[in-house]
Amino acid sequence: MNYRNFYILVILLSLAGWSWLLYHMLSPEQEMGVSLCIFKGVTGLPCPACGTTRSTVSLLKGSFYEALYTSPLGFIASALLVLVPLWLCFDLYHRKTSLFECYTTCESFLKRPLVFTSFCVLILLNWLWNLYKGL
C-alpha cells in the first residue's frame, strides 16, 4: 500500500471510529444493543475485542475502573482515536509521511514470531476475560 492510500484509509477509519463512538455516547443506554460484531451474532459468544466501544465510552466519561473492567483494549483504542488523527493532521500540514513510516515499522515488528505470538496470547487472555465476565 502506498502512503496516499494509507492516509485515505486512516481518514476513513478515523471518521468511522469517531462516528461509532459518538453514536454510542449519544444513544440512551437502553438502545446500545446495536452491534457490528459478526462473531457474537453468529456464535452468541463475545469476540476477543468485545467491550472495546463500551470501554472507550467509559474512559471518555471518566470511569477508568469501569473501562478497565469492561475491556483493556479500550485504552488502546482511545489512544489511537486521539493520537492518530492528530498525527495525521501534523503529517498533512508539514507534508510528511511519518505516520505511514511508523505504521510500516510497527507492521514489520509485529511480523516477528515472538512478538506476534505474545500479541496473540494477550488477545487470547482478553478473550478469556470476556468469556469469564459473560460479556
N, C-alpha and C. Protein backbone atom coordinates (compact mmCIF):
# COMPACT_ATOMS: atom_id res chain seq x y z
N MET A 1 0.86 -1.17 0.00
CA MET A 1 0.00 0.00 0.00
C MET A 1 0.91 1.24 0.00
N ASN A 2 0.58 2.17 -0.86
CA ASN A 2 1.38 3.40 -0.86
C ASN A 2 0.85 4.36 0.20
N TYR A 3 1.63 5.40 0.47
CA TYR A 3 1.28 6.28 1.58
C TYR A 3 -0.01 7.07 1.32
N ARG A 4 -0.32 7.40 0.07
CA ARG A 4 -1.57 8.13 -0.21
C ARG A 4 -2.80 7.29 0.14
N ASN A 5 -2.79 6.04 -0.30
CA ASN A 5 -3.91 5.14 0.04
C ASN A 5 -3.98 4.90 1.55
N PHE A 6 -2.83 4.81 2.18
CA PHE A 6 -2.80 4.64 3.62
C PHE A 6 -3.47 5.82 4.33
N TYR A 7 -3.13 7.04 3.93
CA TYR A 7 -3.71 8.22 4.57
C TYR A 7 -5.21 8.32 4.31
N ILE A 8 -5.65 7.96 3.12
CA ILE A 8 -7.09 7.95 2.84
C ILE A 8 -7.78 6.94 3.75
N LEU A 9 -7.19 5.76 3.87
CA LEU A 9 -7.76 4.72 4.74
C LEU A 9 -7.80 5.18 6.19
N VAL A 10 -6.74 5.83 6.66
CA VAL A 10 -6.70 6.31 8.04
C VAL A 10 -7.77 7.38 8.27
N ILE A 11 -7.95 8.26 7.31
CA ILE A 11 -9.00 9.29 7.44
C ILE A 11 -10.37 8.63 7.55
N LEU A 12 -10.64 7.68 6.66
CA LEU A 12 -11.95 7.00 6.67
C LEU A 12 -12.16 6.20 7.96
N LEU A 13 -11.13 5.50 8.41
CA LEU A 13 -11.25 4.73 9.65
C LEU A 13 -11.41 5.63 10.86
N SER A 14 -10.71 6.76 10.88
CA SER A 14 -10.85 7.70 12.00
C SER A 14 -12.26 8.28 12.04
N LEU A 15 -12.78 8.65 10.88
CA LEU A 15 -14.15 9.17 10.82
C LEU A 15 -15.16 8.11 11.26
N ALA A 16 -14.96 6.88 10.80
CA ALA A 16 -15.87 5.80 11.19
C ALA A 16 -15.78 5.53 12.70
N GLY A 17 -14.57 5.52 13.24
CA GLY A 17 -14.39 5.27 14.67
C GLY A 17 -15.03 6.35 15.52
N TRP A 18 -14.80 7.60 15.17
CA TRP A 18 -15.39 8.69 15.95
C TRP A 18 -16.91 8.74 15.78
N SER A 19 -17.41 8.41 14.57
CA SER A 19 -18.87 8.38 14.36
C SER A 19 -19.51 7.30 15.20
N TRP A 20 -18.89 6.11 15.22
CA TRP A 20 -19.42 4.99 16.01
C TRP A 20 -19.40 5.34 17.51
N LEU A 21 -18.32 5.95 17.93
CA LEU A 21 -18.19 6.34 19.33
C LEU A 21 -19.22 7.42 19.69
N LEU A 22 -19.39 8.40 18.84
CA LEU A 22 -20.37 9.46 19.07
C LEU A 22 -21.78 8.89 19.12
N TYR A 23 -22.06 7.95 18.21
CA TYR A 23 -23.37 7.30 18.22
C TYR A 23 -23.63 6.64 19.58
N HIS A 24 -22.65 5.93 20.10
CA HIS A 24 -22.82 5.24 21.38
C HIS A 24 -22.85 6.20 22.56
N MET A 25 -22.17 7.32 22.45
CA MET A 25 -22.20 8.29 23.55
C MET A 25 -23.53 9.02 23.61
N LEU A 26 -24.16 9.24 22.45
CA LEU A 26 -25.41 9.99 22.42
C LEU A 26 -26.64 9.11 22.54
N SER A 27 -26.48 7.80 22.38
CA SER A 27 -27.61 6.88 22.48
C SER A 27 -27.93 6.62 23.95
N PRO A 28 -29.22 6.54 24.26
CA PRO A 28 -29.57 6.12 25.62
C PRO A 28 -29.04 4.72 25.87
N GLU A 29 -28.69 4.42 27.11
CA GLU A 29 -28.06 3.14 27.44
C GLU A 29 -28.94 1.95 27.06
N GLN A 30 -30.27 2.11 27.04
CA GLN A 30 -31.14 1.00 26.68
C GLN A 30 -31.01 0.66 25.20
N GLU A 31 -30.62 1.62 24.36
CA GLU A 31 -30.56 1.39 22.92
C GLU A 31 -29.16 1.00 22.46
N MET A 32 -28.25 0.73 23.38
CA MET A 32 -26.89 0.40 22.98
C MET A 32 -26.74 -1.05 22.55
N GLY A 33 -27.86 -1.70 22.20
CA GLY A 33 -27.81 -3.08 21.77
C GLY A 33 -27.32 -3.25 20.34
N VAL A 34 -27.16 -2.17 19.60
CA VAL A 34 -26.68 -2.26 18.23
C VAL A 34 -25.24 -2.73 18.24
N SER A 35 -24.97 -3.77 17.47
CA SER A 35 -23.63 -4.33 17.45
C SER A 35 -23.25 -4.69 16.03
N LEU A 36 -21.99 -4.49 15.72
CA LEU A 36 -21.47 -4.90 14.42
C LEU A 36 -20.68 -6.19 14.53
N CYS A 37 -20.67 -6.78 15.69
CA CYS A 37 -19.84 -7.97 15.92
C CYS A 37 -20.49 -9.19 15.27
N ILE A 38 -19.97 -9.59 14.14
CA ILE A 38 -20.48 -10.75 13.42
C ILE A 38 -20.25 -12.02 14.23
N PHE A 39 -19.08 -12.10 14.87
CA PHE A 39 -18.74 -13.28 15.67
C PHE A 39 -19.79 -13.53 16.75
N LYS A 40 -20.14 -12.47 17.50
CA LYS A 40 -21.11 -12.61 18.58
C LYS A 40 -22.51 -12.89 18.03
N GLY A 41 -22.81 -12.28 16.88
CA GLY A 41 -24.10 -12.51 16.26
C GLY A 41 -24.28 -13.96 15.82
N VAL A 42 -23.22 -14.57 15.34
CA VAL A 42 -23.29 -15.95 14.84
C VAL A 42 -23.17 -16.97 15.98
N THR A 43 -22.21 -16.76 16.88
CA THR A 43 -21.93 -17.77 17.92
C THR A 43 -22.63 -17.50 19.24
N GLY A 44 -23.00 -16.25 19.49
CA GLY A 44 -23.56 -15.89 20.78
C GLY A 44 -22.50 -15.65 21.84
N LEU A 45 -21.24 -15.86 21.48
CA LEU A 45 -20.11 -15.65 22.40
C LEU A 45 -19.44 -14.32 22.08
N PRO A 46 -18.89 -13.67 23.09
CA PRO A 46 -18.17 -12.42 22.81
C PRO A 46 -16.89 -12.70 22.03
N CYS A 47 -16.55 -11.78 21.15
CA CYS A 47 -15.28 -11.92 20.41
C CYS A 47 -14.15 -11.39 21.29
N PRO A 48 -12.91 -11.59 20.88
CA PRO A 48 -11.79 -11.10 21.70
C PRO A 48 -11.79 -9.58 21.92
N ALA A 49 -12.45 -8.83 21.04
CA ALA A 49 -12.46 -7.38 21.17
C ALA A 49 -13.77 -6.83 21.73
N CYS A 50 -14.71 -7.71 22.07
CA CYS A 50 -16.00 -7.23 22.60
C CYS A 50 -15.79 -6.37 23.84
N GLY A 51 -16.52 -5.29 23.91
CA GLY A 51 -16.44 -4.38 25.05
C GLY A 51 -15.54 -3.18 24.81
N THR A 52 -14.85 -3.16 23.67
CA THR A 52 -13.92 -2.05 23.41
C THR A 52 -14.66 -0.72 23.29
N THR A 53 -15.80 -0.71 22.61
CA THR A 53 -16.57 0.53 22.49
C THR A 53 -17.07 0.99 23.86
N ARG A 54 -17.63 0.07 24.63
CA ARG A 54 -18.12 0.43 25.97
C ARG A 54 -16.99 0.91 26.86
N SER A 55 -15.84 0.30 26.72
CA SER A 55 -14.67 0.72 27.49
C SER A 55 -14.24 2.14 27.10
N THR A 56 -14.23 2.42 25.82
CA THR A 56 -13.84 3.75 25.34
C THR A 56 -14.84 4.81 25.80
N VAL A 57 -16.13 4.49 25.74
CA VAL A 57 -17.15 5.43 26.23
C VAL A 57 -16.97 5.67 27.73
N SER A 58 -16.68 4.61 28.48
CA SER A 58 -16.44 4.76 29.92
C SER A 58 -15.23 5.65 30.19
N LEU A 59 -14.18 5.48 29.40
CA LEU A 59 -13.00 6.35 29.55
C LEU A 59 -13.34 7.81 29.31
N LEU A 60 -14.11 8.05 28.25
CA LEU A 60 -14.48 9.44 27.94
C LEU A 60 -15.37 10.04 29.02
N LYS A 61 -16.10 9.20 29.74
CA LYS A 61 -16.94 9.67 30.84
C LYS A 61 -16.16 9.76 32.15
N GLY A 62 -14.88 9.33 32.12
CA GLY A 62 -14.03 9.42 33.31
C GLY A 62 -14.10 8.22 34.24
N SER A 63 -14.73 7.14 33.81
CA SER A 63 -14.84 5.93 34.63
C SER A 63 -13.71 4.97 34.26
N PHE A 64 -12.53 5.21 34.80
CA PHE A 64 -11.36 4.43 34.41
C PHE A 64 -11.45 2.97 34.87
N TYR A 65 -11.95 2.74 36.08
CA TYR A 65 -12.06 1.37 36.57
C TYR A 65 -13.05 0.58 35.73
N GLU A 66 -14.20 1.19 35.43
CA GLU A 66 -15.20 0.53 34.60
C GLU A 66 -14.64 0.23 33.20
N ALA A 67 -13.87 1.16 32.66
CA ALA A 67 -13.25 0.96 31.35
C ALA A 67 -12.28 -0.21 31.38
N LEU A 68 -11.48 -0.29 32.42
CA LEU A 68 -10.52 -1.38 32.54
C LEU A 68 -11.22 -2.72 32.73
N TYR A 69 -12.27 -2.73 33.54
CA TYR A 69 -13.02 -3.96 33.76
C TYR A 69 -13.72 -4.42 32.48
N THR A 70 -14.28 -3.48 31.73
CA THR A 70 -15.01 -3.83 30.52
C THR A 70 -14.08 -4.40 29.46
N SER A 71 -12.99 -3.68 29.16
CA SER A 71 -12.02 -4.18 28.19
C SER A 71 -10.75 -3.33 28.22
N PRO A 72 -9.63 -3.93 28.52
CA PRO A 72 -8.37 -3.19 28.49
C PRO A 72 -8.05 -2.64 27.09
N LEU A 73 -8.63 -3.27 26.06
CA LEU A 73 -8.39 -2.79 24.70
C LEU A 73 -8.96 -1.39 24.47
N GLY A 74 -9.89 -0.99 25.31
CA GLY A 74 -10.46 0.36 25.20
C GLY A 74 -9.43 1.45 25.40
N PHE A 75 -8.43 1.18 26.23
CA PHE A 75 -7.37 2.16 26.46
C PHE A 75 -6.54 2.35 25.19
N ILE A 76 -6.26 1.24 24.51
CA ILE A 76 -5.50 1.31 23.26
C ILE A 76 -6.34 2.00 22.18
N ALA A 77 -7.60 1.61 22.08
CA ALA A 77 -8.48 2.23 21.08
C ALA A 77 -8.63 3.73 21.32
N SER A 78 -8.77 4.12 22.58
CA SER A 78 -8.92 5.54 22.91
C SER A 78 -7.66 6.32 22.53
N ALA A 79 -6.51 5.75 22.85
CA ALA A 79 -5.25 6.42 22.50
C ALA A 79 -5.13 6.57 20.99
N LEU A 80 -5.48 5.53 20.26
CA LEU A 80 -5.39 5.60 18.80
C LEU A 80 -6.39 6.59 18.22
N LEU A 81 -7.60 6.64 18.80
CA LEU A 81 -8.61 7.58 18.30
C LEU A 81 -8.21 9.04 18.50
N VAL A 82 -7.35 9.29 19.46
CA VAL A 82 -6.88 10.66 19.70
C VAL A 82 -5.57 10.93 18.96
N LEU A 83 -4.61 10.04 19.11
CA LEU A 83 -3.28 10.28 18.56
C LEU A 83 -3.21 10.19 17.05
N VAL A 84 -3.87 9.22 16.45
CA VAL A 84 -3.75 9.03 15.00
C VAL A 84 -4.29 10.22 14.22
N PRO A 85 -5.49 10.75 14.51
CA PRO A 85 -5.93 11.93 13.76
C PRO A 85 -5.02 13.16 13.96
N LEU A 86 -4.50 13.32 15.19
CA LEU A 86 -3.58 14.44 15.42
C LEU A 86 -2.30 14.26 14.61
N TRP A 87 -1.77 13.05 14.62
CA TRP A 87 -0.56 12.74 13.86
C TRP A 87 -0.81 12.92 12.37
N LEU A 88 -1.99 12.50 11.92
CA LEU A 88 -2.38 12.65 10.52
C LEU A 88 -2.40 14.13 10.12
N CYS A 89 -3.02 14.95 10.95
CA CYS A 89 -3.06 16.40 10.68
C CYS A 89 -1.66 16.99 10.64
N PHE A 90 -0.80 16.56 11.57
CA PHE A 90 0.58 17.03 11.59
C PHE A 90 1.28 16.68 10.28
N ASP A 91 1.14 15.43 9.86
CA ASP A 91 1.78 15.00 8.61
C ASP A 91 1.25 15.76 7.40
N LEU A 92 -0.06 15.93 7.35
CA LEU A 92 -0.63 16.65 6.20
C LEU A 92 -0.20 18.11 6.18
N TYR A 93 -0.16 18.72 7.35
CA TYR A 93 0.24 20.12 7.43
C TYR A 93 1.71 20.31 7.03
N HIS A 94 2.57 19.42 7.50
CA HIS A 94 4.01 19.54 7.24
C HIS A 94 4.46 18.75 6.01
N ARG A 95 3.50 18.13 5.32
CA ARG A 95 3.79 17.33 4.11
C ARG A 95 4.85 16.26 4.39
N LYS A 96 4.61 15.52 5.45
CA LYS A 96 5.50 14.43 5.85
C LYS A 96 4.74 13.11 5.78
N THR A 97 5.45 12.03 5.94
CA THR A 97 4.84 10.70 5.93
C THR A 97 5.24 9.91 7.18
N SER A 98 5.42 10.58 8.29
CA SER A 98 5.90 9.91 9.49
C SER A 98 4.91 8.89 10.05
N LEU A 99 3.61 9.14 9.91
CA LEU A 99 2.62 8.16 10.37
C LEU A 99 2.71 6.88 9.53
N PHE A 100 2.85 7.04 8.24
CA PHE A 100 3.00 5.88 7.35
C PHE A 100 4.28 5.12 7.67
N GLU A 101 5.34 5.83 7.92
CA GLU A 101 6.62 5.20 8.25
C GLU A 101 6.52 4.45 9.58
N CYS A 102 5.83 5.03 10.55
CA CYS A 102 5.63 4.35 11.83
C CYS A 102 4.79 3.09 11.64
N TYR A 103 3.77 3.19 10.80
CA TYR A 103 2.92 2.03 10.52
C TYR A 103 3.74 0.89 9.91
N THR A 104 4.56 1.20 8.92
CA THR A 104 5.37 0.14 8.28
C THR A 104 6.38 -0.45 9.26
N THR A 105 6.92 0.38 10.14
CA THR A 105 7.85 -0.13 11.16
C THR A 105 7.12 -1.05 12.13
N CYS A 106 5.95 -0.64 12.59
CA CYS A 106 5.16 -1.48 13.52
C CYS A 106 4.73 -2.77 12.85
N GLU A 107 4.37 -2.69 11.58
CA GLU A 107 3.95 -3.88 10.85
C GLU A 107 5.09 -4.89 10.77
N SER A 108 6.29 -4.43 10.46
CA SER A 108 7.42 -5.35 10.37
C SER A 108 7.80 -5.88 11.77
N PHE A 109 7.62 -5.07 12.81
CA PHE A 109 7.88 -5.50 14.18
C PHE A 109 6.91 -6.62 14.58
N LEU A 110 5.63 -6.45 14.22
CA LEU A 110 4.62 -7.46 14.57
C LEU A 110 4.79 -8.76 13.80
N LYS A 111 5.53 -8.73 12.72
CA LYS A 111 5.76 -9.95 11.93
C LYS A 111 6.80 -10.87 12.56
N ARG A 112 7.50 -10.39 13.57
CA ARG A 112 8.47 -11.23 14.27
C ARG A 112 7.70 -12.30 15.05
N PRO A 113 8.13 -13.56 14.96
CA PRO A 113 7.37 -14.64 15.60
C PRO A 113 7.14 -14.46 17.09
N LEU A 114 8.14 -14.04 17.84
CA LEU A 114 7.97 -13.88 19.28
C LEU A 114 6.99 -12.75 19.60
N VAL A 115 7.09 -11.66 18.88
CA VAL A 115 6.19 -10.52 19.10
C VAL A 115 4.77 -10.90 18.71
N PHE A 116 4.61 -11.55 17.56
CA PHE A 116 3.29 -11.96 17.10
C PHE A 116 2.65 -12.94 18.07
N THR A 117 3.43 -13.91 18.54
CA THR A 117 2.92 -14.90 19.50
C THR A 117 2.51 -14.22 20.80
N SER A 118 3.32 -13.30 21.29
CA SER A 118 2.98 -12.57 22.52
C SER A 118 1.70 -11.77 22.34
N PHE A 119 1.57 -11.13 21.21
CA PHE A 119 0.37 -10.36 20.90
C PHE A 119 -0.86 -11.27 20.88
N CYS A 120 -0.74 -12.43 20.24
CA CYS A 120 -1.86 -13.38 20.18
C CYS A 120 -2.23 -13.89 21.57
N VAL A 121 -1.25 -14.13 22.42
CA VAL A 121 -1.51 -14.59 23.79
C VAL A 121 -2.28 -13.51 24.56
N LEU A 122 -1.88 -12.26 24.41
CA LEU A 122 -2.59 -11.16 25.09
C LEU A 122 -4.04 -11.05 24.62
N ILE A 123 -4.25 -11.18 23.33
CA ILE A 123 -5.62 -11.13 22.79
C ILE A 123 -6.43 -12.32 23.30
N LEU A 124 -5.80 -13.49 23.35
CA LEU A 124 -6.47 -14.68 23.88
C LEU A 124 -6.84 -14.49 25.35
N LEU A 125 -5.94 -13.91 26.13
CA LEU A 125 -6.25 -13.63 27.54
C LEU A 125 -7.41 -12.65 27.67
N ASN A 126 -7.46 -11.65 26.79
CA ASN A 126 -8.58 -10.71 26.81
C ASN A 126 -9.88 -11.43 26.46
N TRP A 127 -9.81 -12.36 25.52
CA TRP A 127 -11.00 -13.12 25.14
C TRP A 127 -11.48 -13.98 26.31
N LEU A 128 -10.54 -14.64 26.99
CA LEU A 128 -10.91 -15.44 28.15
C LEU A 128 -11.54 -14.56 29.24
N TRP A 129 -11.01 -13.36 29.40
CA TRP A 129 -11.57 -12.39 30.36
C TRP A 129 -13.01 -12.04 29.96
N ASN A 130 -13.24 -11.82 28.66
CA ASN A 130 -14.60 -11.52 28.18
C ASN A 130 -15.53 -12.70 28.43
N LEU A 131 -15.07 -13.92 28.18
CA LEU A 131 -15.89 -15.10 28.42
C LEU A 131 -16.20 -15.27 29.90
N TYR A 132 -15.21 -15.03 30.76
CA TYR A 132 -15.37 -15.14 32.20
C TYR A 132 -16.42 -14.15 32.72
N LYS A 133 -16.38 -12.93 32.19
CA LYS A 133 -17.33 -11.89 32.64
C LYS A 133 -18.72 -12.11 32.06
N GLY A 134 -18.83 -12.95 31.04
CA GLY A 134 -20.13 -13.16 30.39
C GLY A 134 -20.55 -11.96 29.57
N LEU A 135 -19.57 -11.29 28.99
CA LEU A 135 -19.83 -10.10 28.20
C LEU A 135 -20.69 -10.45 27.05
